[in-house]
C-alpha atoms as a PDB file:
ATOM      1  CA  MET A   1       8.742  19.892   2.075  1.00  0.00           C
ATOM      2  CA  THR A   2       6.174  20.401  -0.721  1.00  0.00           C
ATOM      3  CA  GLY A   3       6.395  16.790  -1.875  1.00  0.00           C
ATOM      4  CA  ALA A   4       6.394  15.487   1.694  1.00  0.00           C
ATOM      5  CA  LEU A   5       2.818  16.538   2.407  1.00  0.00           C
ATOM      6  CA  PRO A   6       1.129  14.451  -0.328  1.00  0.00           C
ATOM      7  CA  ALA A   7       3.454  11.548   0.507  1.00  0.00           C
ATOM      8  CA  LEU A   8       2.363  11.600   4.153  1.00  0.00           C
ATOM      9  CA  ALA A   9      -1.271  11.948   3.069  1.00  0.00           C
ATOM     10  CA  SER A  10      -0.725   8.919   0.829  1.00  0.00           C
ATOM     11  CA  ALA A  11       0.550   6.949   3.815  1.00  0.00           C
ATOM     12  CA  ALA A  12      -2.531   7.949   5.815  1.00  0.00           C
ATOM     13  CA  CYS A  13      -4.881   6.786   3.042  1.00  0.00           C
ATOM     14  CA  TYR A  14      -3.029   3.515   2.567  1.00  0.00           C
ATOM     15  CA  GLY A  15      -3.046   2.884   6.300  1.00  0.00           C
ATOM     16  CA  ILE A  16      -6.825   3.349   6.438  1.00  0.00           C
ATOM     17  CA  ALA A  17      -7.251   1.084   3.396  1.00  0.00           C
ATOM     18  CA  ASP A  18      -5.086  -1.638   4.961  1.00  0.00           C
ATOM     19  CA  PHE A  19      -6.979  -1.454   8.242  1.00  0.00           C
ATOM     20  CA  THR A  20     -10.429  -1.775   6.676  1.00  0.00           C
ATOM     21  CA  GLY A  21      -9.298  -4.159   3.936  1.00  0.00           C
ATOM     22  CA  GLY A  22      -7.675  -6.439   6.480  1.00  0.00           C
ATOM     23  CA  LEU A  23     -10.867  -6.634   8.527  1.00  0.00           C
ATOM     24  CA  LEU A  24     -12.895  -7.439   5.399  1.00  0.00           C
ATOM     25  CA  ALA A  25     -10.396 -10.072   4.237  1.00  0.00           C
ATOM     26  CA  ARG A  26     -10.848 -11.933   7.517  1.00  0.00           C
ATOM     27  CA  ARG A  27     -14.620 -12.093   7.019  1.00  0.00           C
ATOM     28  CA  GLY A  28     -14.814 -12.908   3.316  1.00  0.00           C
ATOM     29  CA  GLY A  29     -12.681 -14.210   0.486  1.00  0.00           C
ATOM     30  CA  PHE A  30      -9.397 -12.326   0.292  1.00  0.00           C
ATOM     31  CA  ALA A  31      -9.346 -12.482  -3.513  1.00  0.00           C
ATOM     32  CA  LEU A  32     -12.821 -10.986  -3.794  1.00  0.00           C
ATOM     33  CA  VAL A  33     -11.903  -8.231  -1.362  1.00  0.00           C
ATOM     34  CA  ALA A  34      -8.920  -7.394  -3.572  1.00  0.00           C
ATOM     35  CA  LEU A  35     -11.079  -7.554  -6.709  1.00  0.00           C
ATOM     36  CA  ALA A  36     -13.837  -5.329  -5.331  1.00  0.00           C
ATOM     37  CA  GLY A  37     -11.207  -2.931  -4.035  1.00  0.00           C
ATOM     38  CA  GLN A  38      -9.575  -2.489  -7.419  1.00  0.00           C
ATOM     39  CA  ALA A  39     -12.984  -2.101  -9.080  1.00  0.00           C
ATOM     40  CA  GLY A  40     -13.772   0.706  -6.640  1.00  0.00           C
ATOM     41  CA  GLY A  41     -10.363   2.235  -7.319  1.00  0.00           C
ATOM     42  CA  LEU A  42     -11.012   2.116 -11.075  1.00  0.00           C
ATOM     43  CA  VAL A  43     -14.361   3.903 -10.745  1.00  0.00           C
ATOM     44  CA  PHE A  44     -12.798   6.528  -8.482  1.00  0.00           C
ATOM     45  CA  SER A  45      -9.785   7.182 -10.726  1.00  0.00           C
ATOM     46  CA  LEU A  46     -11.889   7.300 -13.909  1.00  0.00           C
ATOM     47  CA  ALA A  47     -14.172   9.865 -12.278  1.00  0.00           C
ATOM     48  CA  LEU A  48     -11.248  11.981 -11.054  1.00  0.00           C
ATOM     49  CA  ALA A  49      -8.865  11.764 -14.030  1.00  0.00           C
ATOM     50  CA  PRO A  50     -10.856  14.002 -16.433  1.00  0.00           C
ATOM     51  CA  LEU A  51     -10.989  16.703 -13.757  1.00  0.00           C
ATOM     52  CA  THR A  52      -7.192  16.971 -13.464  1.00  0.00           C
ATOM     53  CA  ALA A  53      -4.763  18.638 -15.843  1.00  0.00           C
ATOM     54  CA  ALA A  54      -3.312  16.107 -18.297  1.00  0.00           C
ATOM     55  CA  PRO A  55      -1.966  18.008 -21.298  1.00  0.00           C
ATOM     56  CA  ALA A  56       0.041  15.195 -22.847  1.00  0.00           C
ATOM     57  CA  PRO A  57      -0.463  11.628 -21.533  1.00  0.00           C
ATOM     58  CA  THR A  58       1.622   9.364 -23.752  1.00  0.00           C
ATOM     59  CA  ALA A  59       1.374   5.642 -24.420  1.00  0.00           C
ATOM     60  CA  GLY A  60       4.549   5.227 -22.389  1.00  0.00           C
ATOM     61  CA  ASP A  61       3.018   6.989 -19.390  1.00  0.00           C
ATOM     62  CA  LEU A  62      -0.039   4.744 -19.548  1.00  0.00           C
ATOM     63  CA  ALA A  63       2.192   1.683 -19.912  1.00  0.00           C
ATOM     64  CA  TRP A  64       4.102   2.641 -16.760  1.00  0.00           C
ATOM     65  CA  GLY A  65       0.754   3.009 -15.015  1.00  0.00           C
ATOM     66  CA  GLY A  66      -0.291  -0.415 -16.274  1.00  0.00           C
ATOM     67  CA  LEU A  67       2.914  -2.003 -14.984  1.00  0.00           C
ATOM     68  CA  SER A  68       2.355  -0.300 -11.646  1.00  0.00           C
ATOM     69  CA  GLY A  69      -1.139  -1.805 -11.534  1.00  0.00           C
ATOM     70  CA  ALA A  70       0.268  -5.269 -12.123  1.00  0.00           C
ATOM     71  CA  GLY A  71       2.351  -4.736  -8.998  1.00  0.00           C
ATOM     72  CA  THR A  72      -0.754  -3.527  -7.173  1.00  0.00           C
ATOM     73  CA  GLY A  73      -2.719  -6.631  -8.134  1.00  0.00           C
ATOM     74  CA  LEU A  74       0.092  -8.932  -7.026  1.00  0.00           C
ATOM     75  CA  GLY A  75       0.639  -7.007  -3.822  1.00  0.00           C
ATOM     76  CA  MET A  76      -3.014  -6.811  -2.802  1.00  0.00           C
ATOM     77  CA  VAL A  77      -3.733 -10.502  -3.413  1.00  0.00           C
ATOM     78  CA  PHE A  78      -0.886 -11.640  -1.181  1.00  0.00           C
ATOM     79  CA  LEU A  79      -1.333  -8.846   1.345  1.00  0.00           C
ATOM     80  CA  TYR A  80      -4.998  -9.719   1.840  1.00  0.00           C
ATOM     81  CA  ARG A  81      -4.248 -13.432   1.906  1.00  0.00           C
ATOM     82  CA  GLY A  82      -1.786 -12.819   4.718  1.00  0.00           C
ATOM     83  CA  LEU A  83      -4.248 -10.586   6.545  1.00  0.00           C
ATOM     84  CA  SER A  84      -7.018 -13.176   6.117  1.00  0.00           C
ATOM     85  CA  ARG A  85      -4.844 -15.619   8.074  1.00  0.00           C
ATOM     86  CA  GLY A  86      -4.935 -13.276  11.034  1.00  0.00           C
ATOM     87  CA  ALA A  87      -1.201 -12.540  10.880  1.00  0.00           C
ATOM     88  CA  MET A  88      -1.348  -8.764  10.455  1.00  0.00           C
ATOM     89  CA  SER A  89       1.624  -8.367  12.802  1.00  0.00           C
ATOM     90  CA  VAL A  90       3.773 -10.267  10.296  1.00  0.00           C
ATOM     91  CA  VAL A  91       2.518  -9.568   6.793  1.00  0.00           C
ATOM     92  CA  VAL A  92       2.182  -5.777   7.156  1.00  0.00           C
ATOM     93  CA  PRO A  93       5.751  -5.050   8.334  1.00  0.00           C
ATOM     94  CA  VAL A  94       7.294  -7.571   5.926  1.00  0.00           C
ATOM     95  CA  SER A  95       5.409  -6.116   2.963  1.00  0.00           C
ATOM     96  CA  ALA A  96       6.141  -2.539   4.034  1.00  0.00           C
ATOM     97  CA  VAL A  97       9.872  -3.103   4.499  1.00  0.00           C
ATOM     98  CA  GLY A  98      10.067  -4.892   1.142  1.00  0.00           C
ATOM     99  CA  GLY A  99       8.034  -2.141  -0.480  1.00  0.00           C
ATOM    100  CA  VAL A 100      10.505   0.442   0.829  1.00  0.00           C
ATOM    101  CA  THR A 101      13.861  -1.287   0.437  1.00  0.00           C
ATOM    102  CA  LEU A 102      13.592  -2.293  -3.221  1.00  0.00           C
ATOM    103  CA  PRO A 103      12.500   1.158  -4.525  1.00  0.00           C
ATOM    104  CA  VAL A 104      15.166   2.905  -2.427  1.00  0.00           C
ATOM    105  CA  LEU A 105      17.871   0.656  -3.890  1.00  0.00           C
ATOM    106  CA  ALA A 106      16.495   1.146  -7.397  1.00  0.00           C
ATOM    107  CA  GLY A 107      16.238   4.902  -6.883  1.00  0.00           C
ATOM    108  CA  VAL A 108      19.865   5.185  -5.815  1.00  0.00           C
ATOM    109  CA  VAL A 109      21.391   2.660  -8.238  1.00  0.00           C
ATOM    110  CA  VAL A 110      19.198   3.098 -11.322  1.00  0.00           C
ATOM    111  CA  LEU A 111      17.687   6.587 -11.091  1.00  0.00           C
ATOM    112  CA  GLY A 112      20.684   8.251  -9.484  1.00  0.00           C
ATOM    113  CA  ASP A 113      18.793   9.675  -6.495  1.00  0.00           C
ATOM    114  CA  ARG A 114      21.100  11.238  -3.946  1.00  0.00           C
ATOM    115  CA  PRO A 115      19.321  12.020  -0.665  1.00  0.00           C
ATOM    116  CA  GLY A 116      21.103  14.353   1.719  1.00  0.00           C
ATOM    117  CA  GLY A 117      22.583  13.314   5.044  1.00  0.00           C
ATOM    118  CA  LEU A 118      19.464  13.854   7.157  1.00  0.00           C
ATOM    119  CA  PRO A 119      17.105  12.149   4.667  1.00  0.00           C
ATOM    120  CA  TRP A 120      19.461   9.172   4.528  1.00  0.00           C
ATOM    121  CA  LEU A 121      19.335   8.973   8.312  1.00  0.00           C
ATOM    122  CA  GLY A 122      15.546   9.167   8.035  1.00  0.00           C
ATOM    123  CA  ILE A 123      15.501   6.236   5.599  1.00  0.00           C
ATOM    124  CA  LEU A 124      17.672   4.164   7.922  1.00  0.00           C
ATOM    125  CA  THR A 125      15.347   5.059  10.815  1.00  0.00           C
ATOM    126  CA  ALA A 126      12.138   4.353   8.893  1.00  0.00           C
ATOM    127  CA  VAL A 127      12.937   0.732   7.986  1.00  0.00           C
ATOM    128  CA  PRO A 128      13.138  -0.563  11.602  1.00  0.00           C
ATOM    129  CA  ALA A 129      10.232   1.735  12.503  1.00  0.00           C
ATOM    130  CA  LEU A 130       8.003  -0.046   9.969  1.00  0.00           C
ATOM    131  CA  TRP A 131       8.924  -3.380  11.510  1.00  0.00           C
ATOM    132  CA  LEU A 132       8.566  -2.367  15.131  1.00  0.00           C
ATOM    133  CA  VAL A 133       5.280  -0.508  14.767  1.00  0.00           C
ATOM    134  CA  SER A 134       3.474  -3.647  13.605  1.00  0.00           C
ATOM    135  CA  ARG A 135       4.804  -5.975  16.279  1.00  0.00           C
ATOM    136  CA  ASP A 136       2.389  -7.082  18.963  1.00  0.00           C
ATOM    137  CA  GLY A 137       4.353  -9.709  20.828  1.00  0.00           C
ATOM    138  CA  PRO A 138       6.302 -12.939  20.206  1.00  0.00           C
ATOM    139  CA  ALA A 139       3.263 -15.240  20.269  1.00  0.00           C
ATOM    140  CA  HIS A 140       2.109 -14.207  16.811  1.00  0.00           C
ATOM    141  CA  ALA A 141       5.586 -14.439  15.359  1.00  0.00           C
ATOM    142  CA  ALA A 142       5.846 -18.092  16.405  1.00  0.00           C
ATOM    143  CA  SER A 143       2.415 -19.198  15.176  1.00  0.00           C
ATOM    144  CA  PRO A 144       2.012 -21.344  12.045  1.00  0.00           C
ATOM    145  CA  ALA A 145      -0.212 -18.663  10.493  1.00  0.00           C
ATOM    146  CA  ALA A 146       2.503 -16.054  10.987  1.00  0.00           C
ATOM    147  CA  LYS A 147       5.137 -18.288   9.406  1.00  0.00           C
ATOM    148  CA  GLY A 148       2.932 -18.887   6.362  1.00  0.00           C
ATOM    149  CA  ALA A 149       2.112 -15.193   6.113  1.00  0.00           C
ATOM    150  CA  SER A 150       5.793 -14.251   5.979  1.00  0.00           C
ATOM    151  CA  LEU A 151       5.981 -15.504   2.396  1.00  0.00           C
ATOM    152  CA  ASP A 152       2.771 -13.629   1.605  1.00  0.00           C
ATOM    153  CA  GLY A 153       4.386 -10.487   2.986  1.00  0.00           C
ATOM    154  CA  LEU A 154       7.555 -10.933   0.931  1.00  0.00           C
ATOM    155  CA  ILE A 155       5.605 -11.351  -2.314  1.00  0.00           C
ATOM    156  CA  ALA A 156       3.292  -8.471  -1.418  1.00  0.00           C
ATOM    157  CA  GLY A 157       6.338  -6.297  -0.748  1.00  0.00           C
ATOM    158  CA  ALA A 158       7.733  -7.065  -4.206  1.00  0.00           C
ATOM    159  CA  GLY A 159       4.400  -6.112  -5.769  1.00  0.00           C
ATOM    160  CA  ILE A 160       4.204  -2.888  -3.774  1.00  0.00           C
ATOM    161  CA  ALA A 161       7.773  -2.010  -4.781  1.00  0.00           C
ATOM    162  CA  LEU A 162       6.893  -2.515  -8.455  1.00  0.00           C
ATOM    163  CA  GLN A 163       3.777  -0.388  -7.972  1.00  0.00           C
ATOM    164  CA  TYR A 164       5.747   2.524  -6.550  1.00  0.00           C
ATOM    165  CA  MET A 165       8.703   2.392  -8.939  1.00  0.00           C
ATOM    166  CA  ALA A 166       6.677   2.023 -12.134  1.00  0.00           C
ATOM    167  CA  LEU A 167       4.216   4.769 -11.226  1.00  0.00           C
ATOM    168  CA  SER A 168       7.070   7.168 -10.443  1.00  0.00           C
ATOM    169  CA  GLN A 169       8.166   6.955 -14.100  1.00  0.00           C
ATOM    170  CA  ALA A 170       4.924   8.382 -15.504  1.00  0.00           C
ATOM    171  CA  GLY A 171       5.410  11.873 -16.923  1.00  0.00           C
ATOM    172  CA  HIS A 172       4.052  15.045 -15.368  1.00  0.00           C
ATOM    173  CA  GLY A 173       1.832  15.666 -18.369  1.00  0.00           C
ATOM    174  CA  SER A 174      -0.098  12.442 -17.864  1.00  0.00           C
ATOM    175  CA  GLY A 175      -2.197  13.729 -14.967  1.00  0.00           C
ATOM    176  CA  ILE A 176      -3.516  10.786 -12.978  1.00  0.00           C
ATOM    177  CA  TRP A 177      -4.416   8.640 -15.980  1.00  0.00           C
ATOM    178  CA  PRO A 178      -1.581   6.201 -15.096  1.00  0.00           C
ATOM    179  CA  VAL A 179      -3.425   5.440 -11.845  1.00  0.00           C
ATOM    180  CA  ALA A 180      -6.578   4.628 -13.831  1.00  0.00           C
ATOM    181  CA  THR A 181      -4.763   2.340 -16.282  1.00  0.00           C
ATOM    182  CA  GLY A 182      -3.121   0.675 -13.324  1.00  0.00           C
ATOM    183  CA  ARG A 183      -6.510  -0.279 -11.869  1.00  0.00           C
ATOM    184  CA  VAL A 184      -7.322  -2.032 -15.168  1.00  0.00           C
ATOM    185  CA  THR A 185      -4.187  -4.196 -15.076  1.00  0.00           C
ATOM    186  CA  ALA A 186      -4.658  -4.821 -11.357  1.00  0.00           C
ATOM    187  CA  LEU A 187      -8.089  -6.247 -12.126  1.00  0.00           C
ATOM    188  CA  ALA A 188      -6.586  -8.373 -14.897  1.00  0.00           C
ATOM    189  CA  VAL A 189      -4.135  -9.846 -12.386  1.00  0.00           C
ATOM    190  CA  ILE A 190      -6.740 -10.480  -9.679  1.00  0.00           C
ATOM    191  CA  VAL A 191      -9.589 -11.958 -11.801  1.00  0.00           C
ATOM    192  CA  PRO A 192      -7.767 -15.280 -12.473  1.00  0.00           C
ATOM    193  CA  VAL A 193      -7.047 -15.588  -8.753  1.00  0.00           C
ATOM    194  CA  VAL A 194     -10.745 -15.154  -7.988  1.00  0.00           C
ATOM    195  CA  LEU A 195     -11.701 -17.770 -10.565  1.00  0.00           C
ATOM    196  CA  LEU A 196      -9.148 -20.235  -9.232  1.00  0.00           C
ATOM    197  CA  SER A 197     -10.168 -19.651  -5.624  1.00  0.00           C
ATOM    198  CA  GLY A 198     -13.793 -20.590  -6.332  1.00  0.00           C
ATOM    199  CA  THR A 199     -15.227 -17.538  -4.582  1.00  0.00           C
ATOM    200  CA  ARG A 200     -18.518 -15.878  -5.445  1.00  0.00           C
ATOM    201  CA  LEU A 201     -20.319 -12.615  -4.758  1.00  0.00           C
ATOM    202  CA  GLY A 202     -23.582 -12.403  -2.847  1.00  0.00           C
ATOM    203  CA  GLY A 203     -25.577 -15.166  -1.215  1.00  0.00           C
ATOM    204  CA  PRO A 204     -25.483 -16.121   2.441  1.00  0.00           C
ATOM    205  CA  PRO A 205     -22.402 -15.030   4.403  1.00  0.00           C
ATOM    206  CA  ARG A 206     -19.634 -17.601   4.383  1.00  0.00           C
ATOM    207  CA  ARG A 207     -15.876 -17.735   4.659  1.00  0.00           C
ATOM    208  CA  ARG A 208     -15.174 -17.301   0.949  1.00  0.00           C
ATOM    209  CA  ALA A 209     -18.094 -15.133  -0.110  1.00  0.00           C
ATOM    210  CA  LEU A 210     -18.744 -11.416   0.103  1.00  0.00           C
ATOM    211  CA  THR A 211     -22.116  -9.980   0.970  1.00  0.00           C
ATOM    212  CA  VAL A 212     -23.207  -6.864  -0.895  1.00  0.00           C
ATOM    213  CA  PRO A 213     -22.355  -4.570   2.073  1.00  0.00           C
ATOM    214  CA  GLN A 214     -18.919  -6.183   2.343  1.00  0.00           C
ATOM    215  CA  ALA A 215     -18.332  -5.727  -1.391  1.00  0.00           C
ATOM    216  CA  ALA A 216     -19.368  -2.080  -1.101  1.00  0.00           C
ATOM    217  CA  GLY A 217     -16.979  -1.642   1.805  1.00  0.00           C
ATOM    218  CA  ALA A 218     -14.160  -3.250  -0.176  1.00  0.00           C
ATOM    219  CA  ALA A 219     -14.892  -0.960  -3.130  1.00  0.00           C
ATOM    220  CA  ALA A 220     -14.758   2.085  -0.870  1.00  0.00           C
ATOM    221  CA  THR A 221     -11.477   0.807   0.567  1.00  0.00           C
ATOM    222  CA  GLY A 222     -10.120   0.495  -2.962  1.00  0.00           C
ATOM    223  CA  ALA A 223     -11.136   4.069  -3.724  1.00  0.00           C
ATOM    224  CA  VAL A 224      -9.159   5.257  -0.693  1.00  0.00           C
ATOM    225  CA  ALA A 225      -6.166   3.179  -1.862  1.00  0.00           C
ATOM    226  CA  ALA A 226      -6.451   4.732  -5.333  1.00  0.00           C
ATOM    227  CA  LEU A 227      -6.435   8.165  -3.715  1.00  0.00           C
ATOM    228  CA  ALA A 228      -3.249   7.110  -1.918  1.00  0.00           C
ATOM    229  CA  LEU A 229      -1.630   6.388  -5.283  1.00  0.00           C
ATOM    230  CA  VAL A 230      -2.793   9.724  -6.700  1.00  0.00           C
ATOM    231  CA  LEU A 231      -1.184  11.480  -3.738  1.00  0.00           C
ATOM    232  CA  TYR A 232       1.993   9.425  -4.164  1.00  0.00           C
ATOM    233  CA  LEU A 233       2.120  10.386  -7.849  1.00  0.00           C
ATOM    234  CA  LEU A 234       1.868  14.041  -6.872  1.00  0.00           C
ATOM    235  CA  ALA A 235       4.630  13.503  -4.304  1.00  0.00           C
ATOM    236  CA  VAL A 236       7.165  12.013  -6.752  1.00  0.00           C
ATOM    237  CA  ARG A 237       6.620  14.991  -9.034  1.00  0.00           C
ATOM    238  CA  GLU A 238       7.827  17.269  -6.240  1.00  0.00           C
ATOM    239  CA  GLN A 239      10.276  14.991  -4.408  1.00  0.00           C
ATOM    240  CA  ILE A 240      12.957  12.424  -5.281  1.00  0.00           C
ATOM    241  CA  VAL A 241      11.605   8.888  -5.471  1.00  0.00           C
ATOM    242  CA  THR A 242      13.561   7.478  -2.541  1.00  0.00           C
ATOM    243  CA  VAL A 243      12.162  10.005  -0.055  1.00  0.00           C
ATOM    244  CA  ALA A 244       8.612   9.932  -1.462  1.00  0.00           C
ATOM    245  CA  VAL A 245       8.517   6.121  -1.275  1.00  0.00           C
ATOM    246  CA  VAL A 246       9.710   6.010   2.329  1.00  0.00           C
ATOM    247  CA  LEU A 247       7.231   8.656   3.484  1.00  0.00           C
ATOM    248  CA  SER A 248       4.355   6.988   1.619  1.00  0.00           C
ATOM    249  CA  SER A 249       5.344   3.627   3.112  1.00  0.00           C
ATOM    250  CA  LEU A 250       4.837   4.742   6.700  1.00  0.00           C
ATOM    251  CA  TYR A 251       1.240   3.493   6.382  1.00  0.00           C
ATOM    252  CA  PRO A 252       1.611   0.703   9.015  1.00  0.00           C
ATOM    253  CA  VAL A 253       1.564   3.467  11.635  1.00  0.00           C
ATOM    254  CA  ILE A 254      -2.080   4.215  10.811  1.00  0.00           C
ATOM    255  CA  PRO A 255      -3.578   0.791  11.706  1.00  0.00           C
ATOM    256  CA  VAL A 256      -1.735   0.951  15.023  1.00  0.00           C
ATOM    257  CA  LEU A 257      -3.077   4.440  15.762  1.00  0.00           C
ATOM    258  CA  LEU A 258      -6.575   3.358  14.717  1.00  0.00           C
ATOM    259  CA  GLY A 259      -6.284   0.390  17.037  1.00  0.00           C
ATOM    260  CA  LEU A 260      -5.416   2.739  19.875  1.00  0.00           C
ATOM    261  CA  THR A 261      -8.120   5.319  19.199  1.00  0.00           C
ATOM    262  CA  VAL A 262     -10.951   3.233  17.720  1.00  0.00           C
ATOM    263  CA  LEU A 263     -10.476  -0.205  19.247  1.00  0.00           C
ATOM    264  CA  GLY A 264      -9.061   0.929  22.580  1.00  0.00           C
ATOM    265  CA  GLU A 265      -5.923  -1.191  22.250  1.00  0.00           C
ATOM    266  CA  ARG A 266      -2.762  -0.579  24.219  1.00  0.00           C
ATOM    267  CA  PRO A 267       0.568  -0.420  22.324  1.00  0.00           C
ATOM    268  CA  SER A 268       3.331  -2.840  23.165  1.00  0.00           C
ATOM    269  CA  ARG A 269       6.783  -1.550  24.006  1.00  0.00           C
ATOM    270  CA  LEU A 270       7.978  -2.455  20.531  1.00  0.00           C
ATOM    271  CA  GLN A 271       5.093  -0.591  18.931  1.00  0.00           C
ATOM    272  CA  THR A 272       5.796   2.463  21.061  1.00  0.00           C
ATOM    273  CA  ALA A 273       9.428   2.377  19.986  1.00  0.00           C
ATOM    274  CA  GLY A 274       8.314   2.012  16.368  1.00  0.00           C
ATOM    275  CA  LEU A 275       5.977   5.006  16.599  1.00  0.00           C
ATOM    276  CA  LEU A 276       8.776   7.130  18.045  1.00  0.00           C
ATOM    277  CA  CYS A 277      11.155   5.983  15.286  1.00  0.00           C
ATOM    278  CA  ALA A 278       8.524   6.749  12.650  1.00  0.00           C
ATOM    279  CA  ALA A 279       8.051  10.263  14.040  1.00  0.00           C
ATOM    280  CA  ALA A 280      11.813  10.809  13.990  1.00  0.00           C
ATOM    281  CA  ALA A 281      11.993   9.480  10.413  1.00  0.00           C
ATOM    282  CA  VAL A 282       9.344  11.964   9.250  1.00  0.00           C
ATOM    283  CA  VAL A 283      11.287  14.868  10.788  1.00  0.00           C
ATOM    284  CA  LEU A 284      14.547  13.721   9.170  1.00  0.00           C
ATOM    285  CA  LEU A 285      13.021  12.980   5.766  1.00  0.00           C
ATOM    286  CA  THR A 286      11.337  16.371   5.543  1.00  0.00           C
ATOM    287  CA  ALA A 287      14.416  18.309   6.648  1.00  0.00           C
ATOM    288  CA  ASP A 288      15.764  20.577   3.920  1.00  0.00           C
END
């Protein structure tokens, strides 16, 4: 249960970051939102890393963190592009399911993880829960934007899977420095996308520009996402990767709950079923 708490906290932070980042990506350039987010995450992780115990960070640990950041950069660019198309009901569940399935398979086949019977049932319950909780009706699924965002979600899911798996390989003695090095490589991945997209910072509000307040909001969102990765890193040091990944990937629940409490939305029947499945998955995954 010790590793479950930071994993669930990671999911909460990622859910908040997705909710706010998605709103920003619809108002400004998705690539700039991703760039400002990773810049904010870098500042946050560099400020926090020296304050945490890191007796022996090795070059290998930092390299795993860098590879994880490459997955982050890839995942955030395509996640925000999908969200900027207004197809949150498609791109979020697709990316989340992809981000869960690939690490679980790798954990079992490559790392030799062997979850118990109840955690396995929790994993099998969590995957449909992630899909159901982000559904808001058939109209979105049939729209051209949703169809285009499906590919965005698949690519984002692959990036998120790489992020989780690579970061889980960093040693315990590295502290959270792998998260900081990951923000550097994430920026390296996103900068060319920004240059190719022709976006710019500042100036009058427009579809592909970010105002200073929007950039500040994106940076704060990135700091919350970096905190999510720090919490995930703590989780995999106390829990097998397959369980930590699934718990951390329950983040789509948070935008739905925020929609209910902040925006006054009403859940669909599918979303209600997804929330119930997610609650059951948490109970099963944390069972000893």
